[in-house]
Amino acid sequence: MEDEKFMKRCIALAKKGYGYTYPNPLVGCVIVHKGKIISEGWHKKAGESHAEKEAIEKIKDKSILKKVTLYVNLEPCNHFGKTPPCSDLIVKMKIPRIVIGTLDFNHKVYNKGVSKLKENGCEVITGVLEKECVKLNCRFFTFHKKKRPYITLKWAESKDGFTAPKDPSQKYWLSHALSKQLVHKWRTQEQAIMIGVNTAITDNPKLSSRDWYGKDHTAIVIDPKNRLSKESFLYRNKKKNNLLVVKSKKINLKNVELKTEDLISFLYEKNIQSVIIEGGSKTLSFFIKNNLWDEAKIFKTTVKLGNGVVSPKLEQKEKTIISVGTDKLHTYINF
């Protein structure tokens, strides 16, 4: 179908904003006249033009807008934020037909943009490639529907099922160089990275995205007893990493009930829409035990350790397995 073809282009455009649009969603827009795309746009950064406005403004002869179809993967907004409502602009330009991938589950927008367009005589079609459009903005929708971030678990494990040597002083890189680069790409797409204080002390990680291009993220360390050294890489790069240290004494991995409520509230209050949990094993296991995760990415390597820190366990069956260098990347979905 032609509508699906143009919606696929909206999705492709929207993906260009990965990692840059928080707290806003990923949105792409195309404007079609007589079966041909005459303009397109995507939301590049929070506070800047929305996709619909960008696509409309690129058209010099605005009179043609009375004869076009506007495609957008997410319902046009109908409220004032840092930019005016897109639904008002669409109505003002007298665009007669609007095709939308999915409604916006944010309570400020849900069905209000569609209603505004219909009330002003626009033909509105919704649900085109809806499944794909919802998946595209799974982070944004999870935050607004579940009142928590979209949570991705990530770790690498040896062939015999360990994440690290038993002796913390032994430094051992398990995964392939290509896997490391892929992780850095993922980091640019998520809003935050979280680790436990033991991992922060033992590994002294930078948690950077130096092997990929993209936006810096927020680094979060669970450190209820204030153990993280001010000389650590994370503290020394505090400004660059936008470091958040969780210091509440209530947040204790040994006390699951308190930890669940307090930690999720902390992330939600900080407006963190997505977080990738990178360790250690105790922190990862906590999220698994409490079923607080949406996606898991596990690198299974060819290295054998003999003994060490036992890797976390998932009961779900992996959805996909792909090769990354000499590693096998197992992806699990929990939504």
C-alpha atoms as a PDB file:
ATOM      1  CA  MET A   1       0.000   0.000   0.000  1.00  0.00           C
ATOM      2  CA  GLU A   2       1.125   3.543  -0.769  1.00  0.00           C
ATOM      3  CA  ASP A   3       0.368   4.803   2.742  1.00  0.00           C
ATOM      4  CA  GLU A   4       2.637   2.137   4.220  1.00  0.00           C
ATOM      5  CA  LYS A   5       5.429   3.016   1.805  1.00  0.00           C
ATOM      6  CA  PHE A   6       5.451   6.637   2.902  1.00  0.00           C
ATOM      7  CA  MET A   7       5.093   5.697   6.581  1.00  0.00           C
ATOM      8  CA  LYS A   8       8.251   3.593   6.283  1.00  0.00           C
ATOM      9  CA  ARG A   9      10.034   6.736   5.127  1.00  0.00           C
ATOM     10  CA  CYS A  10       8.716   8.606   8.196  1.00  0.00           C
ATOM     11  CA  ILE A  11      10.161   5.901  10.442  1.00  0.00           C
ATOM     12  CA  ALA A  12      13.526   6.022   8.658  1.00  0.00           C
ATOM     13  CA  LEU A  13      13.677   9.794   9.086  1.00  0.00           C
ATOM     14  CA  ALA A  14      12.661   9.604  12.741  1.00  0.00           C
ATOM     15  CA  LYS A  15      15.523   7.202  13.498  1.00  0.00           C
ATOM     16  CA  LYS A  16      17.994   9.953  12.606  1.00  0.00           C
ATOM     17  CA  GLY A  17      17.101  11.580  15.920  1.00  0.00           C
ATOM     18  CA  TYR A  18      18.144   8.579  18.055  1.00  0.00           C
ATOM     19  CA  GLY A  19      19.728   9.805  21.291  1.00  0.00           C
ATOM     20  CA  TYR A  20      19.190  13.516  20.577  1.00  0.00           C
ATOM     21  CA  THR A  21      15.459  14.139  21.090  1.00  0.00           C
ATOM     22  CA  TYR A  22      15.012  13.255  24.804  1.00  0.00           C
ATOM     23  CA  PRO A  23      12.607  13.930  26.450  1.00  0.00           C
ATOM     24  CA  ASN A  24      10.720  14.171  23.159  1.00  0.00           C
ATOM     25  CA  PRO A  25       9.836  11.213  20.921  1.00  0.00           C
ATOM     26  CA  LEU A  26      11.336  10.230  17.569  1.00  0.00           C
ATOM     27  CA  VAL A  27       9.249  11.728  14.756  1.00  0.00           C
ATOM     28  CA  GLY A  28       9.598  11.830  10.993  1.00  0.00           C
ATOM     29  CA  CYS A  29       7.283  13.465   8.475  1.00  0.00           C
ATOM     30  CA  VAL A  30       6.852  13.413   4.694  1.00  0.00           C
ATOM     31  CA  ILE A  31       4.560  15.514   2.535  1.00  0.00           C
ATOM     32  CA  VAL A  32       3.284  13.858  -0.645  1.00  0.00           C
ATOM     33  CA  HIS A  33       1.710  15.400  -3.760  1.00  0.00           C
ATOM     34  CA  LYS A  34       0.443  13.209  -6.601  1.00  0.00           C
ATOM     35  CA  GLY A  35       2.319  10.182  -5.303  1.00  0.00           C
ATOM     36  CA  LYS A  36       5.671  11.937  -4.907  1.00  0.00           C
ATOM     37  CA  ILE A  37       7.448  13.220  -1.808  1.00  0.00           C
ATOM     38  CA  ILE A  38       7.834  16.985  -2.111  1.00  0.00           C
ATOM     39  CA  SER A  39       9.191  17.640   1.377  1.00  0.00           C
ATOM     40  CA  GLU A  40      10.294  15.822   4.493  1.00  0.00           C
ATOM     41  CA  GLY A  41      11.611  16.517   7.968  1.00  0.00           C
ATOM     42  CA  TRP A  42      12.422  14.951  11.315  1.00  0.00           C
ATOM     43  CA  HIS A  43      12.686  16.143  14.908  1.00  0.00           C
ATOM     44  CA  LYS A  44      16.386  16.687  15.550  1.00  0.00           C
ATOM     45  CA  LYS A  45      16.561  17.940  19.121  1.00  0.00           C
ATOM     46  CA  ALA A  46      14.281  18.937  22.003  1.00  0.00           C
ATOM     47  CA  GLY A  47      13.387  22.618  21.690  1.00  0.00           C
ATOM     48  CA  GLU A  48      13.918  22.675  17.931  1.00  0.00           C
ATOM     49  CA  SER A  49      11.274  22.405  15.203  1.00  0.00           C
ATOM     50  CA  HIS A  50       9.053  19.357  15.188  1.00  0.00           C
ATOM     51  CA  ALA A  51       9.081  17.126  12.123  1.00  0.00           C
ATOM     52  CA  GLU A  52       5.787  18.456  10.724  1.00  0.00           C
ATOM     53  CA  LYS A  53       6.859  22.081  10.977  1.00  0.00           C
ATOM     54  CA  GLU A  54      10.237  21.378   9.383  1.00  0.00           C
ATOM     55  CA  ALA A  55       8.630  19.594   6.429  1.00  0.00           C
ATOM     56  CA  ILE A  56       6.025  22.337   5.941  1.00  0.00           C
ATOM     57  CA  GLU A  57       8.546  25.182   6.137  1.00  0.00           C
ATOM     58  CA  LYS A  58      10.705  23.657   3.385  1.00  0.00           C
ATOM     59  CA  ILE A  59       7.912  24.147   0.855  1.00  0.00           C
ATOM     60  CA  LYS A  60       8.199  27.533  -0.829  1.00  0.00           C
ATOM     61  CA  ASP A  61       4.796  27.594  -2.526  1.00  0.00           C
ATOM     62  CA  LYS A  62       2.483  27.048   0.424  1.00  0.00           C
ATOM     63  CA  SER A  63      -0.619  26.997  -1.805  1.00  0.00           C
ATOM     64  CA  ILE A  64       0.224  23.429  -2.832  1.00  0.00           C
ATOM     65  CA  LEU A  65      -0.335  22.292   0.761  1.00  0.00           C
ATOM     66  CA  LYS A  66      -4.088  22.373   0.102  1.00  0.00           C
ATOM     67  CA  LYS A  67      -3.597  19.388  -2.235  1.00  0.00           C
ATOM     68  CA  VAL A  68      -1.186  17.156  -0.297  1.00  0.00           C
ATOM     69  CA  THR A  69      -1.120  14.297   2.166  1.00  0.00           C
ATOM     70  CA  LEU A  70       1.015  14.688   5.275  1.00  0.00           C
ATOM     71  CA  TYR A  71       2.454  11.485   6.752  1.00  0.00           C
ATOM     72  CA  VAL A  72       3.803  11.342  10.305  1.00  0.00           C
ATOM     73  CA  ASN A  73       4.645   8.356  12.507  1.00  0.00           C
ATOM     74  CA  LEU A  74       3.245   9.951  15.696  1.00  0.00           C
ATOM     75  CA  GLU A  75       0.096  11.948  16.393  1.00  0.00           C
ATOM     76  CA  PRO A  76       0.759  15.702  15.942  1.00  0.00           C
ATOM     77  CA  CYS A  77       0.961  17.566  19.246  1.00  0.00           C
ATOM     78  CA  ASN A  78      -1.883  19.809  20.375  1.00  0.00           C
ATOM     79  CA  HIS A  79      -0.258  21.607  23.307  1.00  0.00           C
ATOM     80  CA  PHE A  80       2.248  24.403  23.835  1.00  0.00           C
ATOM     81  CA  GLY A  81       5.684  23.295  25.002  1.00  0.00           C
ATOM     82  CA  LYS A  82       8.918  24.821  23.755  1.00  0.00           C
ATOM     83  CA  THR A  83       7.263  24.983  20.322  1.00  0.00           C
ATOM     84  CA  PRO A  84       3.656  25.723  19.213  1.00  0.00           C
ATOM     85  CA  PRO A  85       1.213  22.874  18.475  1.00  0.00           C
ATOM     86  CA  CYS A  86       1.776  21.100  15.147  1.00  0.00           C
ATOM     87  CA  SER A  87      -1.951  20.430  14.803  1.00  0.00           C
ATOM     88  CA  ASP A  88      -2.578  24.205  14.673  1.00  0.00           C
ATOM     89  CA  LEU A  89      -0.014  24.617  11.898  1.00  0.00           C
ATOM     90  CA  ILE A  90      -1.524  21.763   9.857  1.00  0.00           C
ATOM     91  CA  VAL A  91      -4.978  23.311  10.171  1.00  0.00           C
ATOM     92  CA  LYS A  92      -3.643  26.763   9.312  1.00  0.00           C
ATOM     93  CA  MET A  93      -2.023  25.429   6.128  1.00  0.00           C
ATOM     94  CA  LYS A  94      -5.293  23.682   5.184  1.00  0.00           C
ATOM     95  CA  ILE A  95      -3.648  20.319   4.618  1.00  0.00           C
ATOM     96  CA  PRO A  96      -6.611  18.084   3.702  1.00  0.00           C
ATOM     97  CA  ARG A  97      -5.325  14.574   4.478  1.00  0.00           C
ATOM     98  CA  ILE A  98      -3.145  13.371   7.353  1.00  0.00           C
ATOM     99  CA  VAL A  99      -1.912   9.790   7.805  1.00  0.00           C
ATOM    100  CA  ILE A 100      -0.659   8.901  11.289  1.00  0.00           C
ATOM    101  CA  GLY A 101       1.235   5.814  12.417  1.00  0.00           C
ATOM    102  CA  THR A 102       0.156   5.771  16.077  1.00  0.00           C
ATOM    103  CA  LEU A 103      -1.527   7.939  18.675  1.00  0.00           C
ATOM    104  CA  ASP A 104       0.641   9.621  21.315  1.00  0.00           C
ATOM    105  CA  PHE A 105       0.194   7.984  24.746  1.00  0.00           C
ATOM    106  CA  ASN A 106       1.406  11.120  26.536  1.00  0.00           C
ATOM    107  CA  HIS A 107      -1.678  12.375  28.407  1.00  0.00           C
ATOM    108  CA  LYS A 108      -1.026  15.895  27.105  1.00  0.00           C
ATOM    109  CA  VAL A 109      -1.517  14.746  23.536  1.00  0.00           C
ATOM    110  CA  TYR A 110      -3.465  11.462  23.421  1.00  0.00           C
ATOM    111  CA  ASN A 111      -6.146  11.741  20.711  1.00  0.00           C
ATOM    112  CA  LYS A 112      -6.257  15.522  21.130  1.00  0.00           C
ATOM    113  CA  GLY A 113      -4.230  16.216  18.015  1.00  0.00           C
ATOM    114  CA  VAL A 114      -6.405  13.880  15.945  1.00  0.00           C
ATOM    115  CA  SER A 115      -9.593  15.431  17.349  1.00  0.00           C
ATOM    116  CA  LYS A 116      -8.375  18.943  16.524  1.00  0.00           C
ATOM    117  CA  LEU A 117      -7.639  17.944  12.924  1.00  0.00           C
ATOM    118  CA  LYS A 118     -10.992  16.212  12.432  1.00  0.00           C
ATOM    119  CA  GLU A 119     -12.894  19.121  13.968  1.00  0.00           C
ATOM    120  CA  ASN A 120     -11.344  21.362  11.334  1.00  0.00           C
ATOM    121  CA  GLY A 121     -12.380  19.196   8.396  1.00  0.00           C
ATOM    122  CA  CYS A 122      -9.199  17.178   7.834  1.00  0.00           C
ATOM    123  CA  GLU A 123      -9.359  13.576   6.733  1.00  0.00           C
ATOM    124  CA  VAL A 124      -7.342  11.644   9.322  1.00  0.00           C
ATOM    125  CA  ILE A 125      -6.175   8.049   8.985  1.00  0.00           C
ATOM    126  CA  THR A 126      -4.500   6.367  11.961  1.00  0.00           C
ATOM    127  CA  GLY A 127      -2.850   3.025  12.624  1.00  0.00           C
ATOM    128  CA  VAL A 128      -0.700   2.750   9.498  1.00  0.00           C
ATOM    129  CA  LEU A 129       2.266   0.509  10.425  1.00  0.00           C
ATOM    130  CA  GLU A 130       1.180   1.062  14.012  1.00  0.00           C
ATOM    131  CA  LYS A 131       3.205  -1.835  15.437  1.00  0.00           C
ATOM    132  CA  GLU A 132       6.413  -0.513  13.865  1.00  0.00           C
ATOM    133  CA  CYS A 133       5.659   3.053  14.980  1.00  0.00           C
ATOM    134  CA  VAL A 134       5.014   1.984  18.577  1.00  0.00           C
ATOM    135  CA  LYS A 135       8.251  -0.029  18.622  1.00  0.00           C
ATOM    136  CA  LEU A 136      10.180   2.985  17.315  1.00  0.00           C
ATOM    137  CA  ASN A 137       9.137   5.037  20.354  1.00  0.00           C
ATOM    138  CA  CYS A 138       9.071   2.209  22.906  1.00  0.00           C
ATOM    139  CA  ARG A 139      11.245   4.280  25.260  1.00  0.00           C
ATOM    140  CA  PHE A 140       8.941   7.309  25.150  1.00  0.00           C
ATOM    141  CA  PHE A 141       5.776   5.199  25.511  1.00  0.00           C
ATOM    142  CA  THR A 142       7.164   3.073  28.364  1.00  0.00           C
ATOM    143  CA  PHE A 143       8.053   6.217  30.313  1.00  0.00           C
ATOM    144  CA  HIS A 144       4.582   7.732  29.957  1.00  0.00           C
ATOM    145  CA  LYS A 145       2.524   4.535  30.346  1.00  0.00           C
ATOM    146  CA  LYS A 146       4.520   2.698  33.050  1.00  0.00           C
ATOM    147  CA  LYS A 147       5.994   5.752  34.810  1.00  0.00           C
ATOM    148  CA  ARG A 148       9.509   4.370  34.522  1.00  0.00           C
ATOM    149  CA  PRO A 149      12.319   4.281  31.983  1.00  0.00           C
ATOM    150  CA  TYR A 150      12.670   1.709  29.229  1.00  0.00           C
ATOM    151  CA  ILE A 151      15.251  -0.641  30.753  1.00  0.00           C
ATOM    152  CA  THR A 152      17.851  -2.546  28.746  1.00  0.00           C
ATOM    153  CA  LEU A 153      20.150  -5.081  30.392  1.00  0.00           C
ATOM    154  CA  LYS A 154      23.583  -5.682  28.871  1.00  0.00           C
ATOM    155  CA  TRP A 155      26.456  -7.953  29.753  1.00  0.00           C
ATOM    156  CA  ALA A 156      29.145 -10.165  28.255  1.00  0.00           C
ATOM    157  CA  GLU A 157      29.820 -13.659  29.548  1.00  0.00           C
ATOM    158  CA  SER A 158      32.448 -16.319  28.996  1.00  0.00           C
ATOM    159  CA  LYS A 159      31.760 -19.590  27.226  1.00  0.00           C
ATOM    160  CA  ASP A 160      31.485 -21.263  30.626  1.00  0.00           C
ATOM    161  CA  GLY A 161      29.034 -18.694  32.037  1.00  0.00           C
ATOM    162  CA  PHE A 162      31.036 -16.093  33.965  1.00  0.00           C
ATOM    163  CA  THR A 163      31.015 -12.307  33.635  1.00  0.00           C
ATOM    164  CA  ALA A 164      34.391 -11.675  35.280  1.00  0.00           C
ATOM    165  CA  PRO A 165      37.297 -13.459  36.984  1.00  0.00           C
ATOM    166  CA  LYS A 166      36.862 -14.370  40.652  1.00  0.00           C
ATOM    167  CA  ASP A 167      39.753 -12.086  41.633  1.00  0.00           C
ATOM    168  CA  PRO A 168      38.642  -8.440  41.051  1.00  0.00           C
ATOM    169  CA  SER A 169      42.271  -7.405  40.507  1.00  0.00           C
ATOM    170  CA  GLN A 170      42.411  -9.506  37.355  1.00  0.00           C
ATOM    171  CA  LYS A 171      41.425  -7.376  34.372  1.00  0.00           C
ATOM    172  CA  TYR A 172      39.975  -9.456  31.554  1.00  0.00           C
ATOM    173  CA  TRP A 173      38.190  -8.237  28.432  1.00  0.00           C
ATOM    174  CA  LEU A 174      35.751 -10.923  27.315  1.00  0.00           C
ATOM    175  CA  SER A 175      34.050  -9.588  24.205  1.00  0.00           C
ATOM    176  CA  HIS A 176      35.271  -8.894  20.674  1.00  0.00           C
ATOM    177  CA  ALA A 177      36.342  -5.373  19.613  1.00  0.00           C
ATOM    178  CA  LEU A 178      33.296  -5.133  17.319  1.00  0.00           C
ATOM    179  CA  SER A 179      31.022  -5.920  20.270  1.00  0.00           C
ATOM    180  CA  LYS A 180      32.616  -3.081  22.234  1.00  0.00           C
ATOM    181  CA  GLN A 181      31.974  -0.688  19.351  1.00  0.00           C
ATOM    182  CA  LEU A 182      28.357  -1.833  19.123  1.00  0.00           C
ATOM    183  CA  VAL A 183      27.895  -1.170  22.850  1.00  0.00           C
ATOM    184  CA  HIS A 184      29.201   2.359  22.355  1.00  0.00           C
ATOM    185  CA  LYS A 185      26.627   2.841  19.596  1.00  0.00           C
ATOM    186  CA  TRP A 186      23.870   1.676  21.962  1.00  0.00           C
ATOM    187  CA  ARG A 187      25.079   4.122  24.591  1.00  0.00           C
ATOM    188  CA  THR A 188      24.504   7.045  22.228  1.00  0.00           C
ATOM    189  CA  GLN A 189      20.893   5.911  21.743  1.00  0.00           C
ATOM    190  CA  GLU A 190      19.982   5.638  25.417  1.00  0.00           C
ATOM    191  CA  GLN A 191      19.504   8.521  27.804  1.00  0.00           C
ATOM    192  CA  ALA A 192      21.453   6.965  30.671  1.00  0.00           C
ATOM    193  CA  ILE A 193      23.828   4.163  31.668  1.00  0.00           C
ATOM    194  CA  MET A 194      23.637   2.585  35.129  1.00  0.00           C
ATOM    195  CA  ILE A 195      26.129   0.495  37.084  1.00  0.00           C
ATOM    196  CA  GLY A 196      26.512  -0.585  40.705  1.00  0.00           C
ATOM    197  CA  VAL A 197      29.211   0.915  42.900  1.00  0.00           C
ATOM    198  CA  ASN A 198      31.217  -2.342  43.016  1.00  0.00           C
ATOM    199  CA  THR A 199      31.587  -2.262  39.238  1.00  0.00           C
ATOM    200  CA  ALA A 200      32.456   1.437  39.367  1.00  0.00           C
ATOM    201  CA  ILE A 201      35.217   0.778  41.917  1.00  0.00           C
ATOM    202  CA  THR A 202      36.593  -2.456  40.416  1.00  0.00           C
ATOM    203  CA  ASP A 203      36.572  -1.428  36.742  1.00  0.00           C
ATOM    204  CA  ASN A 204      36.841   2.368  37.104  1.00  0.00           C
ATOM    205  CA  PRO A 205      34.990   2.699  33.775  1.00  0.00           C
ATOM    206  CA  LYS A 206      34.634   5.829  31.673  1.00  0.00           C
ATOM    207  CA  LEU A 207      31.180   4.747  30.411  1.00  0.00           C
ATOM    208  CA  SER A 208      31.867   6.841  27.330  1.00  0.00           C
ATOM    209  CA  SER A 209      30.893   6.400  23.694  1.00  0.00           C
ATOM    210  CA  ARG A 210      34.387   7.079  22.383  1.00  0.00           C
ATOM    211  CA  ASP A 211      34.193   4.337  19.731  1.00  0.00           C
ATOM    212  CA  TRP A 212      31.051   5.799  18.150  1.00  0.00           C
ATOM    213  CA  TYR A 213      29.732   9.232  17.268  1.00  0.00           C
ATOM    214  CA  GLY A 214      26.745  10.634  19.115  1.00  0.00           C
ATOM    215  CA  LYS A 215      25.443  12.520  22.095  1.00  0.00           C
ATOM    216  CA  ASP A 216      26.849  12.171  25.609  1.00  0.00           C
ATOM    217  CA  HIS A 217      24.589  10.376  28.066  1.00  0.00           C
ATOM    218  CA  THR A 218      23.940  10.436  31.809  1.00  0.00           C
ATOM    219  CA  ALA A 219      26.013   8.041  33.931  1.00  0.00           C
ATOM    220  CA  ILE A 220      24.241   6.681  37.037  1.00  0.00           C
ATOM    221  CA  VAL A 221      26.005   4.888  39.902  1.00  0.00           C
ATOM    222  CA  ILE A 222      24.142   3.157  42.749  1.00  0.00           C
ATOM    223  CA  ASP A 223      26.293   4.194  45.708  1.00  0.00           C
ATOM    224  CA  PRO A 224      24.254   4.298  48.956  1.00  0.00           C
ATOM    225  CA  LYS A 225      27.365   4.401  51.199  1.00  0.00           C
ATOM    226  CA  ASN A 226      29.235   7.057  49.214  1.00  0.00           C
ATOM    227  CA  ARG A 227      32.110   4.716  48.304  1.00  0.00           C
ATOM    228  CA  LEU A 228      32.885   6.041  44.834  1.00  0.00           C
ATOM    229  CA  SER A 229      36.217   7.869  44.800  1.00  0.00           C
ATOM    230  CA  LYS A 230      36.362  11.477  43.657  1.00  0.00           C
ATOM    231  CA  GLU A 231      39.449  10.386  41.698  1.00  0.00           C
ATOM    232  CA  SER A 232      37.472   7.913  39.576  1.00  0.00           C
ATOM    233  CA  PHE A 233      37.053   8.504  35.838  1.00  0.00           C
ATOM    234  CA  LEU A 234      33.327   9.079  36.349  1.00  0.00           C
ATOM    235  CA  TYR A 235      33.859  11.840  38.908  1.00  0.00           C
ATOM    236  CA  ARG A 236      36.687  13.459  36.972  1.00  0.00           C
ATOM    237  CA  ASN A 237      34.467  13.564  33.890  1.00  0.00           C
ATOM    238  CA  LYS A 238      31.376  14.485  35.895  1.00  0.00           C
ATOM    239  CA  LYS A 239      30.435  17.472  33.743  1.00  0.00           C
ATOM    240  CA  LYS A 240      30.843  15.567  30.477  1.00  0.00           C
ATOM    241  CA  ASN A 241      29.015  12.451  31.687  1.00  0.00           C
ATOM    242  CA  ASN A 242      26.285  14.316  33.595  1.00  0.00           C
ATOM    243  CA  LEU A 243      26.934  11.978  36.543  1.00  0.00           C
ATOM    244  CA  LEU A 244      24.077  11.045  38.875  1.00  0.00           C
ATOM    245  CA  VAL A 245      25.000   9.167  42.051  1.00  0.00           C
ATOM    246  CA  VAL A 246      22.163   7.393  43.850  1.00  0.00           C
ATOM    247  CA  LYS A 247      23.013   7.857  47.536  1.00  0.00           C
ATOM    248  CA  SER A 248      19.764   7.082  49.342  1.00  0.00           C
ATOM    249  CA  LYS A 249      20.369   4.577  52.151  1.00  0.00           C
ATOM    250  CA  LYS A 250      16.981   3.083  51.366  1.00  0.00           C
ATOM    251  CA  ILE A 251      18.362   1.958  48.015  1.00  0.00           C
ATOM    252  CA  ASN A 252      20.112  -1.248  48.944  1.00  0.00           C
ATOM    253  CA  LEU A 253      20.438  -4.249  46.660  1.00  0.00           C
ATOM    254  CA  LYS A 254      19.905  -6.547  49.627  1.00  0.00           C
ATOM    255  CA  ASN A 255      16.494  -5.010  50.316  1.00  0.00           C
ATOM    256  CA  VAL A 256      14.535  -5.673  47.155  1.00  0.00           C
ATOM    257  CA  GLU A 257      11.222  -4.133  48.222  1.00  0.00           C
ATOM    258  CA  LEU A 258      12.663  -0.735  49.157  1.00  0.00           C
ATOM    259  CA  LYS A 259      15.043  -0.707  46.222  1.00  0.00           C
ATOM    260  CA  THR A 260      12.384  -1.298  43.604  1.00  0.00           C
ATOM    261  CA  GLU A 261      10.155   1.590  44.627  1.00  0.00           C
ATOM    262  CA  ASP A 262      12.873   4.093  45.446  1.00  0.00           C
ATOM    263  CA  LEU A 263      15.095   3.501  42.439  1.00  0.00           C
ATOM    264  CA  ILE A 264      12.307   3.623  39.861  1.00  0.00           C
ATOM    265  CA  SER A 265      10.924   6.784  41.493  1.00  0.00           C
ATOM    266  CA  PHE A 266      14.400   8.324  41.396  1.00  0.00           C
ATOM    267  CA  LEU A 267      14.782   7.622  37.665  1.00  0.00           C
ATOM    268  CA  TYR A 268      11.275   8.825  36.836  1.00  0.00           C
ATOM    269  CA  GLU A 269      11.692  12.058  38.833  1.00  0.00           C
ATOM    270  CA  LYS A 270      14.965  12.716  36.990  1.00  0.00           C
ATOM    271  CA  ASN A 271      13.013  12.392  33.722  1.00  0.00           C
ATOM    272  CA  ILE A 272      15.153   9.449  32.573  1.00  0.00           C
ATOM    273  CA  GLN A 273      13.231   7.796  29.728  1.00  0.00           C
ATOM    274  CA  SER A 274      15.710   5.031  28.948  1.00  0.00           C
ATOM    275  CA  VAL A 275      18.585   3.387  30.765  1.00  0.00           C
ATOM    276  CA  ILE A 276      20.992   0.604  29.893  1.00  0.00           C
ATOM    277  CA  ILE A 277      22.146  -1.437  32.895  1.00  0.00           C
ATOM    278  CA  GLU A 278      25.743  -2.563  32.373  1.00  0.00           C
ATOM    279  CA  GLY A 279      26.525  -4.332  35.646  1.00  0.00           C
ATOM    280  CA  GLY A 280      27.635  -5.738  37.793  1.00  0.00           C
ATOM    281  CA  SER A 281      26.048  -9.136  38.153  1.00  0.00           C
ATOM    282  CA  LYS A 282      24.279  -8.222  41.427  1.00  0.00           C
ATOM    283  CA  THR A 283      22.700  -5.108  39.903  1.00  0.00           C
ATOM    284  CA  LEU A 284      21.613  -6.967  36.761  1.00  0.00           C
ATOM    285  CA  SER A 285      20.163  -9.833  38.810  1.00  0.00           C
ATOM    286  CA  PHE A 286      18.150  -7.376  40.883  1.00  0.00           C
ATOM    287  CA  PHE A 287      16.370  -6.020  37.800  1.00  0.00           C
ATOM    288  CA  ILE A 288      15.775  -9.557  36.494  1.00  0.00           C
ATOM    289  CA  LYS A 289      14.323 -10.820  39.811  1.00  0.00           C
ATOM    290  CA  ASN A 290      11.933  -7.875  39.939  1.00  0.00           C
ATOM    291  CA  ASN A 291      10.986  -8.250  36.263  1.00  0.00           C
ATOM    292  CA  LEU A 292      12.086  -4.658  35.746  1.00  0.00           C
ATOM    293  CA  TRP A 293      13.454  -4.861  32.231  1.00  0.00           C
ATOM    294  CA  ASP A 294      12.257  -4.560  28.657  1.00  0.00           C
ATOM    295  CA  GLU A 295      15.188  -5.798  26.611  1.00  0.00           C
ATOM    296  CA  ALA A 296      18.361  -7.771  27.323  1.00  0.00           C
ATOM    297  CA  LYS A 297      21.474  -7.939  25.140  1.00  0.00           C
ATOM    298  CA  ILE A 298      23.996 -10.619  26.059  1.00  0.00           C
ATOM    299  CA  PHE A 299      27.320 -11.233  24.342  1.00  0.00           C
ATOM    300  CA  LYS A 300      28.296 -14.890  24.634  1.00  0.00           C
ATOM    301  CA  THR A 301      32.007 -15.120  23.952  1.00  0.00           C
ATOM    302  CA  THR A 302      34.506 -17.832  23.080  1.00  0.00           C
ATOM    303  CA  VAL A 303      36.674 -17.154  26.152  1.00  0.00           C
ATOM    304  CA  LYS A 304      36.782 -19.675  29.017  1.00  0.00           C
ATOM    305  CA  LEU A 305      37.485 -18.444  32.558  1.00  0.00           C
ATOM    306  CA  GLY A 306      37.189 -21.685  34.535  1.00  0.00           C
ATOM    307  CA  ASN A 307      35.600 -19.879  37.476  1.00  0.00           C
ATOM    308  CA  GLY A 308      34.544 -16.376  38.435  1.00  0.00           C
ATOM    309  CA  VAL A 309      31.430 -14.214  38.882  1.00  0.00           C
ATOM    310  CA  VAL A 310      28.444 -16.248  37.680  1.00  0.00           C
ATOM    311  CA  SER A 311      26.455 -14.487  34.964  1.00  0.00           C
ATOM    312  CA  PRO A 312      22.803 -13.511  35.551  1.00  0.00           C
ATOM    313  CA  LYS A 313      20.136 -15.908  34.259  1.00  0.00           C
ATOM    314  CA  LEU A 314      17.058 -15.230  32.149  1.00  0.00           C
ATOM    315  CA  GLU A 315      14.108 -17.603  31.890  1.00  0.00           C
ATOM    316  CA  GLN A 316      12.863 -16.164  28.619  1.00  0.00           C
ATOM    317  CA  LYS A 317      13.928 -17.610  25.288  1.00  0.00           C
ATOM    318  CA  GLU A 318      16.069 -15.304  23.162  1.00  0.00           C
ATOM    319  CA  LYS A 319      14.324 -13.581  20.273  1.00  0.00           C
ATOM    320  CA  THR A 320      17.359 -13.228  18.023  1.00  0.00           C
ATOM    321  CA  ILE A 321      20.947 -14.465  17.856  1.00  0.00           C
ATOM    322  CA  ILE A 322      23.494 -12.765  15.582  1.00  0.00           C
ATOM    323  CA  SER A 323      27.260 -12.958  15.180  1.00  0.00           C
ATOM    324  CA  VAL A 324      29.399  -9.978  16.161  1.00  0.00           C
ATOM    325  CA  GLY A 325      33.017 -10.781  15.436  1.00  0.00           C
ATOM    326  CA  THR A 326      33.675 -14.027  17.324  1.00  0.00           C
ATOM    327  CA  ASP A 327      30.817 -13.337  19.777  1.00  0.00           C
ATOM    328  CA  LYS A 328      27.163 -14.335  19.608  1.00  0.00           C
ATOM    329  CA  LEU A 329      24.745 -11.557  20.541  1.00  0.00           C
ATOM    330  CA  HIS A 330      21.580 -12.936  22.163  1.00  0.00           C
ATOM    331  CA  THR A 331      18.678 -10.476  22.377  1.00  0.00           C
ATOM    332  CA  TYR A 332      15.691 -11.016  24.691  1.00  0.00           C
ATOM    333  CA  ILE A 333      12.443  -9.047  24.721  1.00  0.00           C
ATOM    334  CA  ASN A 334      10.229  -8.620  27.803  1.00  0.00           C
ATOM    335  CA  PHE A 335       7.295  -6.478  26.655  1.00  0.00           C
END
